């Protein structure tokens, strides 16, 4: 799934490492990491005190494009999270 500029800007604005964030009034523990000289990036978010979980991989292609791969969840769910989460 290719990535639109608004999603990519929101994803890139999230810091690397572990931190807290708020999405739809709920608190999350977020971890963003990178591999392969940052060509592969992973975002995981776990709702604190709740059942929600977000997981995705983003691949930076040699062409300059980015490819989004949600982990066993709808693409719309991860897109909405990244676009609307507010990191601490």
C-alpha atoms as a PDB file:
ATOM      1  CA  UNK A   1       0.000   0.000   0.000  1.00  0.00           C
ATOM      2  CA  UNK A   2       1.586   3.235  -1.071  1.00  0.00           C
ATOM      3  CA  UNK A   3       1.673   6.112   1.356  1.00  0.00           C
ATOM      4  CA  UNK A   4       0.110   9.535   0.854  1.00  0.00           C
ATOM      5  CA  UNK A   5       2.106  12.669   1.790  1.00  0.00           C
ATOM      6  CA  UNK A   6      -0.102  13.576   4.797  1.00  0.00           C
ATOM      7  CA  UNK A   7       0.387  10.136   6.360  1.00  0.00           C
ATOM      8  CA  UNK A   8       4.124  10.163   5.688  1.00  0.00           C
ATOM      9  CA  UNK A   9       4.516  13.630   7.232  1.00  0.00           C
ATOM     10  CA  UNK A  10       2.589  12.554  10.350  1.00  0.00           C
ATOM     11  CA  UNK A  11       4.597   9.325  10.630  1.00  0.00           C
ATOM     12  CA  UNK A  12       7.913  11.142  10.219  1.00  0.00           C
ATOM     13  CA  UNK A  13       6.902  13.690  12.881  1.00  0.00           C
ATOM     14  CA  UNK A  14       6.606  10.927  15.499  1.00  0.00           C
ATOM     15  CA  UNK A  15       9.885  10.501  17.396  1.00  0.00           C
ATOM     16  CA  UNK A  16      11.909   7.302  17.495  1.00  0.00           C
ATOM     17  CA  UNK A  17      12.071   5.388  20.765  1.00  0.00           C
ATOM     18  CA  UNK A  18       9.414   4.792  23.408  1.00  0.00           C
ATOM     19  CA  UNK A  19       6.995   7.437  24.671  1.00  0.00           C
ATOM     20  CA  UNK A  20       3.382   8.093  25.573  1.00  0.00           C
ATOM     21  CA  UNK A  21       0.647   9.508  23.412  1.00  0.00           C
ATOM     22  CA  UNK A  22      -3.069  10.210  23.261  1.00  0.00           C
ATOM     23  CA  UNK A  23      -5.492   9.050  20.580  1.00  0.00           C
ATOM     24  CA  UNK A  24      -9.265   9.495  20.746  1.00  0.00           C
ATOM     25  CA  UNK A  25      -8.987  10.413  24.435  1.00  0.00           C
ATOM     26  CA  UNK A  26      -7.123   7.208  25.326  1.00  0.00           C
ATOM     27  CA  UNK A  27      -3.499   6.853  26.461  1.00  0.00           C
ATOM     28  CA  UNK A  28      -1.009   4.706  24.549  1.00  0.00           C
ATOM     29  CA  UNK A  29       2.551   3.504  25.004  1.00  0.00           C
ATOM     30  CA  UNK A  30       4.181   4.016  21.594  1.00  0.00           C
ATOM     31  CA  UNK A  31       7.426   2.571  20.264  1.00  0.00           C
ATOM     32  CA  UNK A  32       8.910   3.622  16.923  1.00  0.00           C
ATOM     33  CA  UNK A  33      12.056   1.876  15.725  1.00  0.00           C
ATOM     34  CA  UNK A  34      14.089   1.528  12.555  1.00  0.00           C
ATOM     35  CA  UNK A  35      16.138  -1.170  10.879  1.00  0.00           C
ATOM     36  CA  UNK A  36      18.314  -1.519   7.770  1.00  0.00           C
ATOM     37  CA  UNK A  37      19.691   2.038   7.899  1.00  0.00           C
ATOM     38  CA  UNK A  38      16.142   3.363   8.513  1.00  0.00           C
ATOM     39  CA  UNK A  39      14.808   1.888   5.266  1.00  0.00           C
ATOM     40  CA  UNK A  40      12.464  -0.224   7.394  1.00  0.00           C
ATOM     41  CA  UNK A  41      10.538   1.388  10.247  1.00  0.00           C
ATOM     42  CA  UNK A  42       8.130  -0.101  12.769  1.00  0.00           C
ATOM     43  CA  UNK A  43       5.494   1.555  14.937  1.00  0.00           C
ATOM     44  CA  UNK A  44       3.705  -0.229  17.777  1.00  0.00           C
ATOM     45  CA  UNK A  45       1.197   1.323  20.163  1.00  0.00           C
ATOM     46  CA  UNK A  46      -0.525  -0.355  23.090  1.00  0.00           C
ATOM     47  CA  UNK A  47      -3.500   1.218  24.826  1.00  0.00           C
ATOM     48  CA  UNK A  48      -2.795   1.636  28.531  1.00  0.00           C
ATOM     49  CA  UNK A  49      -5.526  -0.078  30.538  1.00  0.00           C
ATOM     50  CA  UNK A  50      -7.390  -1.119  27.389  1.00  0.00           C
ATOM     51  CA  UNK A  51      -7.402  -3.692  24.612  1.00  0.00           C
ATOM     52  CA  UNK A  52      -6.386  -1.588  21.591  1.00  0.00           C
ATOM     53  CA  UNK A  53      -3.151  -2.316  19.774  1.00  0.00           C
ATOM     54  CA  UNK A  54      -1.610  -0.735  16.656  1.00  0.00           C
ATOM     55  CA  UNK A  55       1.246  -2.242  14.671  1.00  0.00           C
ATOM     56  CA  UNK A  56       2.695  -1.322  11.287  1.00  0.00           C
ATOM     57  CA  UNK A  57       5.809  -1.474   9.181  1.00  0.00           C
ATOM     58  CA  UNK A  58       6.839   1.255   6.762  1.00  0.00           C
ATOM     59  CA  UNK A  59       9.377   0.511   4.046  1.00  0.00           C
ATOM     60  CA  UNK A  60      11.364   3.265   2.309  1.00  0.00           C
ATOM     61  CA  UNK A  61      11.929   2.069  -1.255  1.00  0.00           C
ATOM     62  CA  UNK A  62      14.939   2.902  -3.429  1.00  0.00           C
ATOM     63  CA  UNK A  63      12.544   4.725  -5.782  1.00  0.00           C
ATOM     64  CA  UNK A  64      11.827   7.251  -3.030  1.00  0.00           C
ATOM     65  CA  UNK A  65       8.330   5.887  -2.423  1.00  0.00           C
ATOM     66  CA  UNK A  66       7.179   4.410   0.866  1.00  0.00           C
ATOM     67  CA  UNK A  67       5.192   1.226   1.366  1.00  0.00           C
ATOM     68  CA  UNK A  68       2.852   0.749   4.342  1.00  0.00           C
ATOM     69  CA  UNK A  69       2.239  -2.736   5.741  1.00  0.00           C
ATOM     70  CA  UNK A  70      -0.190  -2.890   8.682  1.00  0.00           C
ATOM     71  CA  UNK A  71       0.300  -5.947  10.905  1.00  0.00           C
ATOM     72  CA  UNK A  72      -2.901  -8.019  10.881  1.00  0.00           C
ATOM     73  CA  UNK A  73      -5.260  -5.038  11.074  1.00  0.00           C
ATOM     74  CA  UNK A  74      -7.048  -2.769   8.614  1.00  0.00           C
ATOM     75  CA  UNK A  75      -4.982  -0.115   6.873  1.00  0.00           C
ATOM     76  CA  UNK A  76      -7.603   2.494   7.813  1.00  0.00           C
ATOM     77  CA  UNK A  77      -6.986   1.802  11.519  1.00  0.00           C
ATOM     78  CA  UNK A  78      -3.239   2.470  11.352  1.00  0.00           C
ATOM     79  CA  UNK A  79      -3.668   5.483   9.062  1.00  0.00           C
ATOM     80  CA  UNK A  80      -6.205   7.075  11.443  1.00  0.00           C
ATOM     81  CA  UNK A  81      -3.948   6.434  14.437  1.00  0.00           C
ATOM     82  CA  UNK A  82      -0.824   7.944  12.869  1.00  0.00           C
ATOM     83  CA  UNK A  83      -2.713  10.976  11.543  1.00  0.00           C
ATOM     84  CA  UNK A  84      -4.432  11.760  14.861  1.00  0.00           C
ATOM     85  CA  UNK A  85      -2.189  10.563  17.699  1.00  0.00           C
ATOM     86  CA  UNK A  86      -0.619  13.281  19.835  1.00  0.00           C
ATOM     87  CA  UNK A  87       2.771  12.243  21.209  1.00  0.00           C
ATOM     88  CA  UNK A  88       3.880  13.507  24.624  1.00  0.00           C
END
